[in-house]
Amino acid sequence: MKPLRVLFVCLGNICRSPLAEGAARKLARLRGLEESFFFDSAATAAYHVGESYDPRVAAVLASHDALFEHTVRQIGPGDYRFFDWILGMDGENMRDLRARRPANATARLALVTEPWGGGRITDPYYQDDWACEQTYLELEDLLAGWLERWREAP
């Protein structure tokens, strides 16, 4: 059976979406589900394409044993057909994702917080180091629920 393919998306792909990707990879690894999922992340904007993530994000991911190789990329039309799920971090991301969605898209779009009542994942970019930690912890908690949901009915 092919793995479920999930793309996490935020504005710049240097904070929230790589934090989500790292948390999802870690959770899948800890549950022995690495073969069941393929995770990636992308940006809606091209501000940081080709760069790595924010150094504070790297530190948080390392402290949680969730660090992975990362190069910022922008979402493209092919992503809407390749991925099964595309999860945005806030309403602005979702508006951008819906506006770019090609007619032949097959991916399901959702706000990462949607199954738990909605809301946005706070962008720690303009905040202190602790904000990156808090964002990671929030995403790890949310993604544990997503993993269970996907295992039950992908």
Foldseek 3Di string as FASTA:
>chain_A
DAAAEEEEEEAWPQAQRLLLQLLLCVVCVVVVNNRRYHYYYAHQDPPQAQHHHDVLLQVLSVVVVRHDDDGYHHDDQVCQAPHQEYEYQADVRVVSCVVRHDPPGNHDYYHLCVVVPDDGQDGCPPHDSVSRNVSSVVSSVSSVVVVVVVVVPD
